[in-house]
PDB file of all heavy atoms in Angstrom:
ATOM      1  N   ALA A   1      51.267  88.717 153.045  1.00  0.00           N
ATOM      2  CA  ALA A   1      50.632  88.330 151.824  1.00  0.00           C
ATOM      3  C   ALA A   1      51.565  87.511 150.976  1.00  0.00           C
ATOM      4  O   ALA A   1      51.131  86.855 150.058  1.00  0.00           O
ATOM      5  CB  ALA A   1      50.229  89.528 150.995  1.00  0.00           C
ATOM      6  N   ALA A   2      52.866  87.522 151.284  1.00  0.00           N
ATOM      7  CA  ALA A   2      53.839  86.632 150.566  1.00  0.00           C
ATOM      8  C   ALA A   2      53.779  85.242 151.152  1.00  0.00           C
ATOM      9  O   ALA A   2      54.252  84.284 150.359  1.00  0.00           O
ATOM     10  CB  ALA A   2      55.211  87.217 150.760  1.00  0.00           C
ATOM     11  N   ARG A   3      53.224  84.992 152.209  1.00  0.00           N
ATOM     12  CA  ARG A   3      53.248  83.780 152.895  1.00  0.00           C
ATOM     13  C   ARG A   3      52.256  82.757 152.270  1.00  0.00           C
ATOM     14  O   ARG A   3      51.294  83.223 151.645  1.00  0.00           O
ATOM     15  CB  ARG A   3      52.976  83.856 154.420  1.00  0.00           C
ATOM     16  CG  ARG A   3      54.092  84.566 155.164  1.00  0.00           C
ATOM     17  CD  ARG A   3      54.012  84.451 156.646  1.00  0.00           C
ATOM     18  NE  ARG A   3      54.299  83.002 156.991  1.00  0.00           N
ATOM     19  CZ  ARG A   3      54.520  82.687 158.221  1.00  0.00           C
ATOM     20  NH1 ARG A   3      54.307  83.566 159.291  1.00  0.00           N
ATOM     21  NH2 ARG A   3      54.708  81.442 158.517  1.00  0.00           N
ATOM     22  N   ALA A   4      52.381  81.517 152.500  1.00  0.00           N
ATOM     23  CA  ALA A   4      51.459  80.474 152.056  1.00  0.00           C
ATOM     24  C   ALA A   4      50.405  80.189 153.176  1.00  0.00           C
ATOM     25  O   ALA A   4      50.521  80.658 154.282  1.00  0.00           O
ATOM     26  CB  ALA A   4      52.150  79.129 151.742  1.00  0.00           C
ATOM     27  N   ASP A   5      49.363  79.530 152.696  1.00  0.00           N
ATOM     28  CA  ASP A   5      48.339  78.877 153.665  1.00  0.00           C
ATOM     29  C   ASP A   5      47.350  79.917 154.211  1.00  0.00           C
ATOM     30  O   ASP A   5      46.081  79.871 153.871  1.00  0.00           O
ATOM     31  CB  ASP A   5      48.956  78.190 154.775  1.00  0.00           C
ATOM     32  CG  ASP A   5      49.709  76.926 154.331  1.00  0.00           C
ATOM     33  OD1 ASP A   5      49.207  76.224 153.375  1.00  0.00           O
ATOM     34  OD2 ASP A   5      50.789  76.663 154.792  1.00  0.00           O
ATOM     35  N   SER A   6      47.801  80.893 155.041  1.00  0.00           N
ATOM     36  CA  SER A   6      46.721  81.815 155.586  1.00  0.00           C
ATOM     37  C   SER A   6      46.247  82.751 154.511  1.00  0.00           C
ATOM     38  O   SER A   6      46.834  83.002 153.467  1.00  0.00           O
ATOM     39  CB  SER A   6      47.418  82.646 156.753  1.00  0.00           C
ATOM     40  OG  SER A   6      48.503  83.329 156.291  1.00  0.00           O
ATOM     41  N   THR A   7      45.051  83.348 154.800  1.00  0.00           N
ATOM     42  CA  THR A   7      44.389  84.272 153.872  1.00  0.00           C
ATOM     43  C   THR A   7      44.549  85.659 154.403  1.00  0.00           C
ATOM     44  O   THR A   7      43.977  86.065 155.409  1.00  0.00           O
ATOM     45  CB  THR A   7      42.931  83.941 153.755  1.00  0.00           C
ATOM     46  OG1 THR A   7      42.710  82.533 153.311  1.00  0.00           O
ATOM     47  CG2 THR A   7      42.232  84.858 152.744  1.00  0.00           C
ATOM     48  N   PRO A   8      45.332  86.500 153.744  1.00  0.00           N
ATOM     49  CA  PRO A   8      45.598  87.894 154.245  1.00  0.00           C
ATOM     50  C   PRO A   8      44.443  88.852 153.870  1.00  0.00           C
ATOM     51  O   PRO A   8      43.895  88.819 152.689  1.00  0.00           O
ATOM     52  CB  PRO A   8      46.955  88.258 153.479  1.00  0.00           C
ATOM     53  CG  PRO A   8      46.971  87.388 152.296  1.00  0.00           C
ATOM     54  CD  PRO A   8      46.135  86.249 152.535  1.00  0.00           C
ATOM     55  N   LEU A   9      44.168  89.839 154.774  1.00  0.00           N
ATOM     56  CA  LEU A   9      43.218  90.823 154.548  1.00  0.00           C
ATOM     57  C   LEU A   9      43.745  92.219 154.706  1.00  0.00           C
ATOM     58  O   LEU A   9      44.492  92.455 155.610  1.00  0.00           O
ATOM     59  CB  LEU A   9      42.030  90.620 155.583  1.00  0.00           C
ATOM     60  CG  LEU A   9      40.933  91.736 155.631  1.00  0.00           C
ATOM     61  CD1 LEU A   9      39.636  91.053 155.903  1.00  0.00           C
ATOM     62  CD2 LEU A   9      41.187  92.843 156.580  1.00  0.00           C
ATOM     63  N   TYR A  10      43.625  92.956 153.662  1.00  0.00           N
ATOM     64  CA  TYR A  10      44.139  94.382 153.670  1.00  0.00           C
ATOM     65  C   TYR A  10      43.090  95.314 154.061  1.00  0.00           C
ATOM     66  O   TYR A  10      42.028  95.517 153.305  1.00  0.00           O
ATOM     67  CB  TYR A  10      44.619  94.721 152.216  1.00  0.00           C
ATOM     68  CG  TYR A  10      45.400  96.047 152.210  1.00  0.00           C
ATOM     69  CD1 TYR A  10      46.759  96.079 152.395  1.00  0.00           C
ATOM     70  CD2 TYR A  10      44.693  97.297 152.156  1.00  0.00           C
ATOM     71  CE1 TYR A  10      47.452  97.317 152.339  1.00  0.00           C
ATOM     72  CE2 TYR A  10      45.308  98.460 152.192  1.00  0.00           C
ATOM     73  CZ  TYR A  10      46.766  98.529 152.273  1.00  0.00           C
ATOM     74  OH  TYR A  10      47.307  99.696 152.286  1.00  0.00           O
ATOM     75  N   PHE A  11      43.292  95.981 155.149  1.00  0.00           N
ATOM     76  CA  PHE A  11      42.318  96.977 155.699  1.00  0.00           C
ATOM     77  C   PHE A  11      42.568  98.327 154.975  1.00  0.00           C
ATOM     78  O   PHE A  11      43.738  98.866 155.043  1.00  0.00           O
ATOM     79  CB  PHE A  11      42.455  97.066 157.107  1.00  0.00           C
ATOM     80  CG  PHE A  11      41.749  98.381 157.734  1.00  0.00           C
ATOM     81  CD1 PHE A  11      40.429  98.459 157.704  1.00  0.00           C
ATOM     82  CD2 PHE A  11      42.417  99.404 158.219  1.00  0.00           C
ATOM     83  CE1 PHE A  11      39.605  99.463 158.240  1.00  0.00           C
ATOM     84  CE2 PHE A  11      41.851 100.475 158.801  1.00  0.00           C
ATOM     85  CZ  PHE A  11      40.420 100.592 158.802  1.00  0.00           C
ATOM     86  N   ASN A  12      41.484  98.894 154.387  1.00  0.00           N
ATOM     87  CA  ASN A  12      41.615 100.229 153.749  1.00  0.00           C
ATOM     88  C   ASN A  12      41.214 101.319 154.705  1.00  0.00           C
ATOM     89  O   ASN A  12      40.035 101.451 155.155  1.00  0.00           O
ATOM     90  CB  ASN A  12      40.666 100.319 152.550  1.00  0.00           C
ATOM     91  CG  ASN A  12      40.699 101.662 151.848  1.00  0.00           C
ATOM     92  OD1 ASN A  12      39.667 102.209 151.556  1.00  0.00           O
ATOM     93  ND2 ASN A  12      41.813 102.221 151.569  1.00  0.00           N
ATOM     94  N   ARG A  13      42.243 102.242 155.136  1.00  0.00           N
ATOM     95  CA  ARG A  13      41.956 103.333 155.963  1.00  0.00           C
ATOM     96  C   ARG A  13      41.170 104.356 155.299  1.00  0.00           C
ATOM     97  O   ARG A  13      41.043 104.392 154.148  1.00  0.00           O
ATOM     98  CB  ARG A  13      43.290 103.924 156.491  1.00  0.00           C
ATOM     99  CG  ARG A  13      44.103 103.001 157.386  1.00  0.00           C
ATOM    100  CD  ARG A  13      45.459 103.771 157.727  1.00  0.00           C
ATOM    101  NE  ARG A  13      46.050 103.059 158.869  1.00  0.00           N
ATOM    102  CZ  ARG A  13      46.988 103.692 159.593  1.00  0.00           C
ATOM    103  NH1 ARG A  13      47.450 104.908 159.269  1.00  0.00           N
ATOM    104  NH2 ARG A  13      47.587 103.060 160.532  1.00  0.00           N
ATOM    105  N   THR A  14      40.467 105.190 156.107  1.00  0.00           N
ATOM    106  CA  THR A  14      39.731 106.310 155.558  1.00  0.00           C
ATOM    107  C   THR A  14      40.642 107.257 154.806  1.00  0.00           C
ATOM    108  O   THR A  14      41.902 107.401 155.196  1.00  0.00           O
ATOM    109  CB  THR A  14      38.995 107.044 156.667  1.00  0.00           C
ATOM    110  OG1 THR A  14      39.838 107.407 157.713  1.00  0.00           O
ATOM    111  CG2 THR A  14      37.877 106.123 157.223  1.00  0.00           C
ATOM    112  N   ALA A  15      40.183 107.977 153.881  1.00  0.00           N
ATOM    113  CA  ALA A  15      40.992 109.032 153.209  1.00  0.00           C
ATOM    114  C   ALA A  15      41.254 110.214 153.975  1.00  0.00           C
ATOM    115  O   ALA A  15      40.549 110.502 155.030  1.00  0.00           O
ATOM    116  CB  ALA A  15      40.229 109.426 151.882  1.00  0.00           C
ATOM    117  N   GLY A  16      42.234 110.923 153.639  1.00  0.00           N
ATOM    118  CA  GLY A  16      42.670 112.148 154.377  1.00  0.00           C
ATOM    119  C   GLY A  16      43.837 111.899 155.351  1.00  0.00           C
ATOM    120  O   GLY A  16      44.243 110.743 155.563  1.00  0.00           O
ATOM    121  N   ARG A  17      44.271 112.929 156.038  1.00  0.00           N
ATOM    122  CA  ARG A  17      45.485 112.948 156.870  1.00  0.00           C
ATOM    123  C   ARG A  17      45.070 112.496 158.225  1.00  0.00           C
ATOM    124  O   ARG A  17      46.008 112.128 159.105  1.00  0.00           O
ATOM    125  CB  ARG A  17      46.144 114.257 156.803  1.00  0.00           C
ATOM    126  CG  ARG A  17      46.764 114.546 155.450  1.00  0.00           C
ATOM    127  CD  ARG A  17      47.454 115.806 155.462  1.00  0.00           C
ATOM    128  NE  ARG A  17      48.009 116.179 154.114  1.00  0.00           N
ATOM    129  CZ  ARG A  17      48.658 117.261 153.833  1.00  0.00           C
ATOM    130  NH1 ARG A  17      48.831 118.241 154.832  1.00  0.00           N
ATOM    131  NH2 ARG A  17      49.213 117.571 152.647  1.00  0.00           N
ATOM    132  N   LYS A  18      43.868 112.632 158.628  1.00  0.00           N
ATOM    133  CA  LYS A  18      43.546 112.451 159.985  1.00  0.00           C
ATOM    134  C   LYS A  18      42.717 111.131 160.144  1.00  0.00           C
ATOM    135  O   LYS A  18      42.040 110.763 159.290  1.00  0.00           O
ATOM    136  CB  LYS A  18      42.737 113.662 160.611  1.00  0.00           C
ATOM    137  CG  LYS A  18      43.412 114.931 160.619  1.00  0.00           C
ATOM    138  CD  LYS A  18      42.608 116.115 161.093  1.00  0.00           C
ATOM    139  CE  LYS A  18      43.240 117.421 161.212  1.00  0.00           C
ATOM    140  NZ  LYS A  18      42.405 118.455 161.747  1.00  0.00           N
ATOM    141  N   LYS A  19      42.733 110.585 161.339  1.00  0.00           N
ATOM    142  CA  LYS A  19      41.947 109.366 161.654  1.00  0.00           C
ATOM    143  C   LYS A  19      40.573 109.702 161.484  1.00  0.00           C
ATOM    144  O   LYS A  19      39.997 110.644 161.960  1.00  0.00           O
ATOM    145  CB  LYS A  19      42.346 109.016 163.111  1.00  0.00           C
ATOM    146  CG  LYS A  19      41.511 107.796 163.603  1.00  0.00           C
ATOM    147  CD  LYS A  19      41.767 107.582 165.073  1.00  0.00           C
ATOM    148  CE  LYS A  19      40.827 106.491 165.675  1.00  0.00           C
ATOM    149  NZ  LYS A  19      41.025 106.282 167.086  1.00  0.00           N
ATOM    150  N   LEU A  20      39.857 108.720 160.803  1.00  0.00           N
ATOM    151  CA  LEU A  20      38.394 108.737 160.566  1.00  0.00           C
ATOM    152  C   LEU A  20      37.922 110.065 159.844  1.00  0.00           C
ATOM    153  O   LEU A  20      36.823 110.467 160.105  1.00  0.00           O
ATOM    154  CB  LEU A  20      37.677 108.625 161.945  1.00  0.00           C
ATOM    155  CG  LEU A  20      38.007 107.308 162.811  1.00  0.00           C
ATOM    156  CD1 LEU A  20      37.310 107.291 164.174  1.00  0.00           C
ATOM    157  CD2 LEU A  20      37.554 106.069 161.980  1.00  0.00           C
ATOM    158  N   GLN A  21      38.750 110.554 159.004  1.00  0.00           N
ATOM    159  CA  GLN A  21      38.297 111.725 158.162  1.00  0.00           C
ATOM    160  C   GLN A  21      37.422 111.191 157.013  1.00  0.00           C
ATOM    161  O   GLN A  21      37.726 110.275 156.427  1.00  0.00           O
ATOM    162  CB  GLN A  21      39.558 112.394 157.641  1.00  0.00           C
ATOM    163  CG  GLN A  21      39.223 113.826 156.938  1.00  0.00           C
ATOM    164  CD  GLN A  21      40.522 114.541 156.692  1.00  0.00           C
ATOM    165  OE1 GLN A  21      41.578 113.892 156.686  1.00  0.00           O
ATOM    166  NE2 GLN A  21      40.322 115.762 156.462  1.00  0.00           N
ATOM    167  N   GLY A  22      36.343 111.954 156.781  1.00  0.00           N
ATOM    168  CA  GLY A  22      35.501 111.593 155.607  1.00  0.00           C
ATOM    169  C   GLY A  22      34.122 111.086 156.047  1.00  0.00           C
ATOM    170  O   GLY A  22      33.726 111.145 157.213  1.00  0.00           O
ATOM    171  N   ASN A  23      33.438 110.496 155.099  1.00  0.00           N
ATOM    172  CA  ASN A  23      32.075 110.008 155.359  1.00  0.00           C
ATOM    173  C   ASN A  23      31.917 108.501 155.094  1.00  0.00           C
ATOM    174  O   ASN A  23      32.629 108.043 154.184  1.00  0.00           O
ATOM    175  CB  ASN A  23      31.071 110.748 154.494  1.00  0.00           C
ATOM    176  CG  ASN A  23      31.055 112.280 154.690  1.00  0.00           C
ATOM    177  OD1 ASN A  23      30.883 112.657 155.920  1.00  0.00           O
ATOM    178  ND2 ASN A  23      31.167 112.990 153.675  1.00  0.00           N
ATOM    179  N   ILE A  24      30.952 107.898 155.815  1.00  0.00           N
ATOM    180  CA  ILE A  24      30.661 106.484 155.544  1.00  0.00           C
ATOM    181  C   ILE A  24      30.100 106.471 154.153  1.00  0.00           C
ATOM    182  O   ILE A  24      29.276 107.315 153.796  1.00  0.00           O
ATOM    183  CB  ILE A  24      29.578 105.940 156.544  1.00  0.00           C
ATOM    184  CG1 ILE A  24      30.306 105.979 157.988  1.00  0.00           C
ATOM    185  CG2 ILE A  24      29.171 104.570 156.213  1.00  0.00           C
ATOM    186  CD1 ILE A  24      29.285 105.617 159.069  1.00  0.00           C
ATOM    187  N   GLY A  25      30.582 105.524 153.376  1.00  0.00           N
ATOM    188  CA  GLY A  25      30.126 105.298 151.982  1.00  0.00           C
ATOM    189  C   GLY A  25      31.168 105.713 150.999  1.00  0.00           C
ATOM    190  O   GLY A  25      31.236 105.219 149.852  1.00  0.00           O
ATOM    191  N   ASP A  26      32.139 106.594 151.419  1.00  0.00           N
ATOM    192  CA  ASP A  26      33.244 107.008 150.485  1.00  0.00           C
ATOM    193  C   ASP A  26      34.262 105.900 150.518  1.00  0.00           C
ATOM    194  O   ASP A  26      34.573 105.182 151.556  1.00  0.00           O
ATOM    195  CB  ASP A  26      33.807 108.341 150.934  1.00  0.00           C
ATOM    196  CG  ASP A  26      32.817 109.467 150.885  1.00  0.00           C
ATOM    197  OD1 ASP A  26      31.888 109.294 150.109  1.00  0.00           O
ATOM    198  OD2 ASP A  26      33.100 110.429 151.518  1.00  0.00           O
ATOM    199  N   ALA A  27      35.166 105.831 149.480  1.00  0.00           N
ATOM    200  CA  ALA A  27      36.355 104.989 149.492  1.00  0.00           C
ATOM    201  C   ALA A  27      37.336 105.619 150.377  1.00  0.00           C
ATOM    202  O   ALA A  27      37.303 106.804 150.603  1.00  0.00           O
ATOM    203  CB  ALA A  27      36.938 104.938 148.092  1.00  0.00           C
TER     204      ALA A  27
END
């Protein structure tokens, strides 16, 4: 994100300590 030209995308992981924890629709 500090670099020029390219467009950076930040992926928001699901909440909680485990992979894929939570429900679709939640932040």
